[in-house]
Amino acid sequence: MLKTVYSGQDLIFDPKSNLVFSKTYCPFAAQVKELFNTVGIQYDTIELDEREDGGKIQEILMELTGQRTVPNVFLKGKHIGGCDDTLAMHKAGKLEK
């Protein structure tokens, strides 16, 4: 699990990582995490509602991706989108382990 995900205005995470920015109560984030668990994709989760800096991270994600909502999904360091985008990739057979 990543303890620090931003420095100033920059998000810091491994460019090869699979990462889900989430909130514990979000059913769409839960759906993505369940999908990844089912298909065997290893990932880290950043639960924004459990972090003091969660709001700041969400602002930076908005600037970086144009998406403020969760889940905000990155696969191998590339921004995928949210739940619908991730599910569409899965249906198209484009999710990789």
N, C-alpha and C. Protein backbone atom coordinates (compact mmCIF):
# COMPACT_ATOMS: atom_id res chain seq x y z
N MET A 1 0.85 -1.18 0.00
CA MET A 1 0.00 0.00 0.00
C MET A 1 0.89 1.24 0.00
N LEU A 2 0.53 2.21 -0.78
CA LEU A 2 1.29 3.44 -0.85
C LEU A 2 0.91 4.34 0.31
N LYS A 3 1.89 4.84 1.04
CA LYS A 3 1.60 5.72 2.17
C LYS A 3 1.54 7.17 1.75
N THR A 4 2.39 7.58 0.82
CA THR A 4 2.39 8.94 0.31
C THR A 4 2.14 8.87 -1.18
N VAL A 5 1.08 9.49 -1.65
CA VAL A 5 0.79 9.42 -3.07
C VAL A 5 0.90 10.77 -3.75
N TYR A 6 1.24 11.80 -3.02
CA TYR A 6 1.48 13.06 -3.71
C TYR A 6 2.56 13.84 -3.00
N SER A 7 3.22 14.66 -3.77
CA SER A 7 4.24 15.57 -3.26
C SER A 7 4.00 16.89 -3.96
N GLY A 8 3.56 17.87 -3.21
CA GLY A 8 3.19 19.13 -3.85
C GLY A 8 1.97 18.90 -4.71
N GLN A 9 2.11 19.13 -6.00
CA GLN A 9 0.99 18.93 -6.93
C GLN A 9 1.16 17.66 -7.77
N ASP A 10 2.15 16.84 -7.45
CA ASP A 10 2.42 15.67 -8.27
C ASP A 10 2.01 14.38 -7.56
N LEU A 11 1.27 13.54 -8.27
CA LEU A 11 0.98 12.21 -7.74
C LEU A 11 2.20 11.34 -7.96
N ILE A 12 2.52 10.54 -6.96
CA ILE A 12 3.68 9.67 -7.05
C ILE A 12 3.22 8.24 -6.86
N PHE A 13 3.41 7.43 -7.89
CA PHE A 13 3.18 6.00 -7.76
C PHE A 13 3.95 5.29 -8.86
N ASP A 14 4.18 4.03 -8.65
CA ASP A 14 4.95 3.23 -9.59
C ASP A 14 4.25 3.21 -10.94
N PRO A 15 4.94 3.61 -12.01
CA PRO A 15 4.30 3.63 -13.33
C PRO A 15 3.88 2.26 -13.84
N LYS A 16 4.34 1.21 -13.20
CA LYS A 16 3.95 -0.15 -13.59
C LYS A 16 2.82 -0.68 -12.73
N SER A 17 2.34 0.14 -11.80
CA SER A 17 1.37 -0.35 -10.82
C SER A 17 -0.06 -0.27 -11.33
N ASN A 18 -0.88 -1.09 -10.73
CA ASN A 18 -2.33 -1.03 -10.91
C ASN A 18 -2.87 -0.40 -9.63
N LEU A 19 -3.63 0.66 -9.79
CA LEU A 19 -4.03 1.45 -8.63
C LEU A 19 -5.48 1.87 -8.77
N VAL A 20 -6.24 1.71 -7.68
CA VAL A 20 -7.64 2.13 -7.65
C VAL A 20 -7.77 3.17 -6.55
N PHE A 21 -8.09 4.40 -6.94
CA PHE A 21 -8.45 5.43 -5.98
C PHE A 21 -9.92 5.24 -5.71
N SER A 22 -10.27 5.10 -4.44
CA SER A 22 -11.58 4.61 -4.05
C SER A 22 -12.09 5.36 -2.83
N LYS A 23 -13.34 5.09 -2.47
CA LYS A 23 -13.89 5.46 -1.17
C LYS A 23 -14.58 4.21 -0.64
N THR A 24 -14.45 3.97 0.64
CA THR A 24 -14.91 2.71 1.22
C THR A 24 -16.40 2.46 1.00
N TYR A 25 -17.19 3.50 0.88
CA TYR A 25 -18.64 3.36 0.77
C TYR A 25 -19.14 3.37 -0.68
N CYS A 26 -18.24 3.47 -1.65
CA CYS A 26 -18.65 3.60 -3.05
C CYS A 26 -18.93 2.23 -3.67
N PRO A 27 -20.17 1.98 -4.10
CA PRO A 27 -20.48 0.68 -4.70
C PRO A 27 -19.79 0.46 -6.05
N PHE A 28 -19.50 1.53 -6.77
CA PHE A 28 -18.83 1.40 -8.07
C PHE A 28 -17.36 1.01 -7.87
N ALA A 29 -16.74 1.59 -6.86
CA ALA A 29 -15.36 1.21 -6.53
C ALA A 29 -15.32 -0.25 -6.07
N ALA A 30 -16.30 -0.65 -5.28
CA ALA A 30 -16.36 -2.04 -4.82
C ALA A 30 -16.51 -2.99 -6.00
N GLN A 31 -17.26 -2.58 -7.01
CA GLN A 31 -17.45 -3.41 -8.19
C GLN A 31 -16.13 -3.61 -8.95
N VAL A 32 -15.34 -2.55 -9.09
CA VAL A 32 -14.04 -2.65 -9.76
C VAL A 32 -13.10 -3.54 -8.96
N LYS A 33 -13.05 -3.35 -7.65
CA LYS A 33 -12.16 -4.16 -6.81
C LYS A 33 -12.56 -5.63 -6.86
N GLU A 34 -13.86 -5.90 -6.86
CA GLU A 34 -14.34 -7.28 -6.96
C GLU A 34 -13.95 -7.89 -8.31
N LEU A 35 -14.09 -7.12 -9.38
CA LEU A 35 -13.69 -7.60 -10.70
C LEU A 35 -12.20 -7.94 -10.73
N PHE A 36 -11.36 -7.04 -10.24
CA PHE A 36 -9.92 -7.29 -10.22
C PHE A 36 -9.59 -8.52 -9.40
N ASN A 37 -10.24 -8.69 -8.26
CA ASN A 37 -10.01 -9.87 -7.43
C ASN A 37 -10.42 -11.14 -8.17
N THR A 38 -11.54 -11.08 -8.88
CA THR A 38 -12.06 -12.25 -9.59
C THR A 38 -11.15 -12.66 -10.74
N VAL A 39 -10.65 -11.69 -11.50
CA VAL A 39 -9.82 -12.02 -12.67
C VAL A 39 -8.34 -12.12 -12.33
N GLY A 40 -7.99 -11.82 -11.09
CA GLY A 40 -6.60 -12.01 -10.64
C GLY A 40 -5.67 -10.85 -10.93
N ILE A 41 -6.21 -9.66 -11.05
CA ILE A 41 -5.36 -8.48 -11.25
C ILE A 41 -4.92 -7.98 -9.89
N GLN A 42 -3.62 -7.92 -9.67
CA GLN A 42 -3.09 -7.38 -8.42
C GLN A 42 -3.12 -5.86 -8.51
N TYR A 43 -3.51 -5.22 -7.41
CA TYR A 43 -3.65 -3.77 -7.40
C TYR A 43 -3.49 -3.24 -5.99
N ASP A 44 -3.20 -1.96 -5.91
CA ASP A 44 -3.22 -1.25 -4.63
C ASP A 44 -4.46 -0.37 -4.62
N THR A 45 -4.98 -0.13 -3.44
CA THR A 45 -6.14 0.73 -3.27
C THR A 45 -5.78 1.90 -2.38
N ILE A 46 -6.17 3.08 -2.78
CA ILE A 46 -6.06 4.27 -1.94
C ILE A 46 -7.49 4.67 -1.59
N GLU A 47 -7.87 4.46 -0.33
CA GLU A 47 -9.21 4.81 0.15
C GLU A 47 -9.19 6.28 0.57
N LEU A 48 -9.68 7.13 -0.30
CA LEU A 48 -9.58 8.57 -0.09
C LEU A 48 -10.32 9.04 1.16
N ASP A 49 -11.42 8.37 1.51
CA ASP A 49 -12.19 8.79 2.68
C ASP A 49 -11.52 8.38 3.99
N GLU A 50 -10.46 7.60 3.93
CA GLU A 50 -9.74 7.20 5.14
C GLU A 50 -8.45 7.98 5.32
N ARG A 51 -8.21 8.95 4.46
CA ARG A 51 -6.96 9.72 4.51
C ARG A 51 -7.26 11.19 4.76
N GLU A 52 -6.43 11.81 5.58
CA GLU A 52 -6.58 13.25 5.81
C GLU A 52 -6.36 14.04 4.54
N ASP A 53 -5.50 13.54 3.66
CA ASP A 53 -5.19 14.24 2.42
C ASP A 53 -6.05 13.75 1.25
N GLY A 54 -7.11 13.02 1.54
CA GLY A 54 -7.96 12.46 0.48
C GLY A 54 -8.56 13.51 -0.43
N GLY A 55 -9.03 14.61 0.15
CA GLY A 55 -9.60 15.69 -0.66
C GLY A 55 -8.57 16.31 -1.59
N LYS A 56 -7.37 16.50 -1.08
CA LYS A 56 -6.29 17.06 -1.89
C LYS A 56 -5.92 16.11 -3.02
N ILE A 57 -5.84 14.82 -2.72
CA ILE A 57 -5.53 13.84 -3.75
C ILE A 57 -6.61 13.85 -4.83
N GLN A 58 -7.87 13.96 -4.40
CA GLN A 58 -8.97 13.98 -5.36
C GLN A 58 -8.89 15.21 -6.27
N GLU A 59 -8.48 16.35 -5.71
CA GLU A 59 -8.29 17.56 -6.53
C GLU A 59 -7.18 17.34 -7.56
N ILE A 60 -6.08 16.73 -7.14
CA ILE A 60 -4.97 16.48 -8.05
C ILE A 60 -5.39 15.49 -9.14
N LEU A 61 -6.16 14.47 -8.77
CA LEU A 61 -6.67 13.53 -9.76
C LEU A 61 -7.53 14.24 -10.80
N MET A 62 -8.34 15.19 -10.35
CA MET A 62 -9.17 15.96 -11.28
C MET A 62 -8.30 16.72 -12.28
N GLU A 63 -7.25 17.36 -11.78
CA GLU A 63 -6.34 18.09 -12.66
C GLU A 63 -5.62 17.15 -13.61
N LEU A 64 -5.23 16.00 -13.12
CA LEU A 64 -4.45 15.05 -13.91
C LEU A 64 -5.28 14.31 -14.94
N THR A 65 -6.49 13.90 -14.55
CA THR A 65 -7.29 13.00 -15.40
C THR A 65 -8.58 13.62 -15.92
N GLY A 66 -9.01 14.73 -15.34
CA GLY A 66 -10.30 15.29 -15.70
C GLY A 66 -11.46 14.57 -15.02
N GLN A 67 -11.14 13.67 -14.10
CA GLN A 67 -12.15 12.87 -13.40
C GLN A 67 -12.02 13.09 -11.91
N ARG A 68 -13.12 13.51 -11.27
CA ARG A 68 -13.11 13.73 -9.83
C ARG A 68 -13.74 12.55 -9.09
N THR A 69 -14.53 11.76 -9.78
CA THR A 69 -15.27 10.68 -9.13
C THR A 69 -14.39 9.45 -8.89
N VAL A 70 -14.87 8.60 -7.99
CA VAL A 70 -14.23 7.31 -7.75
C VAL A 70 -15.17 6.22 -8.22
N PRO A 71 -14.61 5.09 -8.62
CA PRO A 71 -13.19 4.79 -8.64
C PRO A 71 -12.48 5.53 -9.76
N ASN A 72 -11.23 5.80 -9.51
CA ASN A 72 -10.35 6.39 -10.51
C ASN A 72 -9.25 5.36 -10.70
N VAL A 73 -9.23 4.70 -11.84
CA VAL A 73 -8.45 3.48 -12.04
C VAL A 73 -7.25 3.73 -12.96
N PHE A 74 -6.11 3.22 -12.53
CA PHE A 74 -4.88 3.24 -13.32
C PHE A 74 -4.40 1.80 -13.48
N LEU A 75 -4.11 1.40 -14.71
CA LEU A 75 -3.53 0.08 -14.97
C LEU A 75 -2.16 0.28 -15.59
N LYS A 76 -1.17 -0.34 -14.97
CA LYS A 76 0.22 -0.18 -15.39
C LYS A 76 0.57 1.29 -15.57
N GLY A 77 0.08 2.11 -14.63
CA GLY A 77 0.38 3.53 -14.62
C GLY A 77 -0.44 4.37 -15.58
N LYS A 78 -1.27 3.74 -16.41
CA LYS A 78 -2.08 4.48 -17.39
C LYS A 78 -3.49 4.67 -16.86
N HIS A 79 -4.01 5.90 -16.97
CA HIS A 79 -5.36 6.17 -16.51
C HIS A 79 -6.37 5.47 -17.40
N ILE A 80 -7.25 4.68 -16.78
CA ILE A 80 -8.28 3.93 -17.49
C ILE A 80 -9.61 4.66 -17.44
N GLY A 81 -9.94 5.23 -16.28
CA GLY A 81 -11.21 5.90 -16.09
C GLY A 81 -11.88 5.40 -14.83
N GLY A 82 -13.19 5.27 -14.90
CA GLY A 82 -13.96 4.84 -13.75
C GLY A 82 -14.49 3.43 -13.90
N CYS A 83 -15.57 3.16 -13.21
CA CYS A 83 -16.15 1.82 -13.19
C CYS A 83 -16.62 1.40 -14.58
N ASP A 84 -17.41 2.25 -15.25
CA ASP A 84 -17.93 1.88 -16.56
C ASP A 84 -16.81 1.61 -17.56
N ASP A 85 -15.76 2.45 -17.52
CA ASP A 85 -14.62 2.27 -18.42
C ASP A 85 -13.91 0.94 -18.15
N THR A 86 -13.74 0.62 -16.88
CA THR A 86 -13.05 -0.61 -16.50
C THR A 86 -13.87 -1.83 -16.90
N LEU A 87 -15.18 -1.78 -16.66
CA LEU A 87 -16.05 -2.90 -17.05
C LEU A 87 -16.07 -3.07 -18.56
N ALA A 88 -16.07 -1.97 -19.30
CA ALA A 88 -16.05 -2.04 -20.77
C ALA A 88 -14.76 -2.69 -21.26
N MET A 89 -13.63 -2.34 -20.64
CA MET A 89 -12.36 -2.96 -21.01
C MET A 89 -12.41 -4.47 -20.76
N HIS A 90 -13.01 -4.84 -19.63
CA HIS A 90 -13.12 -6.27 -19.31
C HIS A 90 -13.97 -6.99 -20.35
N LYS A 91 -15.12 -6.42 -20.69
CA LYS A 91 -16.00 -7.05 -21.69
C LYS A 91 -15.31 -7.17 -23.04
N ALA A 92 -14.45 -6.21 -23.36
CA ALA A 92 -13.74 -6.23 -24.64
C ALA A 92 -12.50 -7.12 -24.60
N GLY A 93 -12.23 -7.71 -23.43
CA GLY A 93 -11.07 -8.59 -23.29
C GLY A 93 -9.75 -7.84 -23.22
N LYS A 94 -9.79 -6.59 -22.79
CA LYS A 94 -8.58 -5.76 -22.78
C LYS A 94 -7.95 -5.59 -21.41
N LEU A 95 -8.48 -6.25 -20.40
CA LEU A 95 -7.85 -6.20 -19.08
C LEU A 95 -6.77 -7.27 -19.02
N GLU A 96 -5.59 -6.87 -18.58
CA GLU A 96 -4.48 -7.82 -18.49
C GLU A 96 -4.17 -8.09 -17.03
N LYS A 97 -3.67 -9.28 -16.77
CA LYS A 97 -3.22 -9.62 -15.42
C LYS A 97 -1.90 -8.98 -15.15
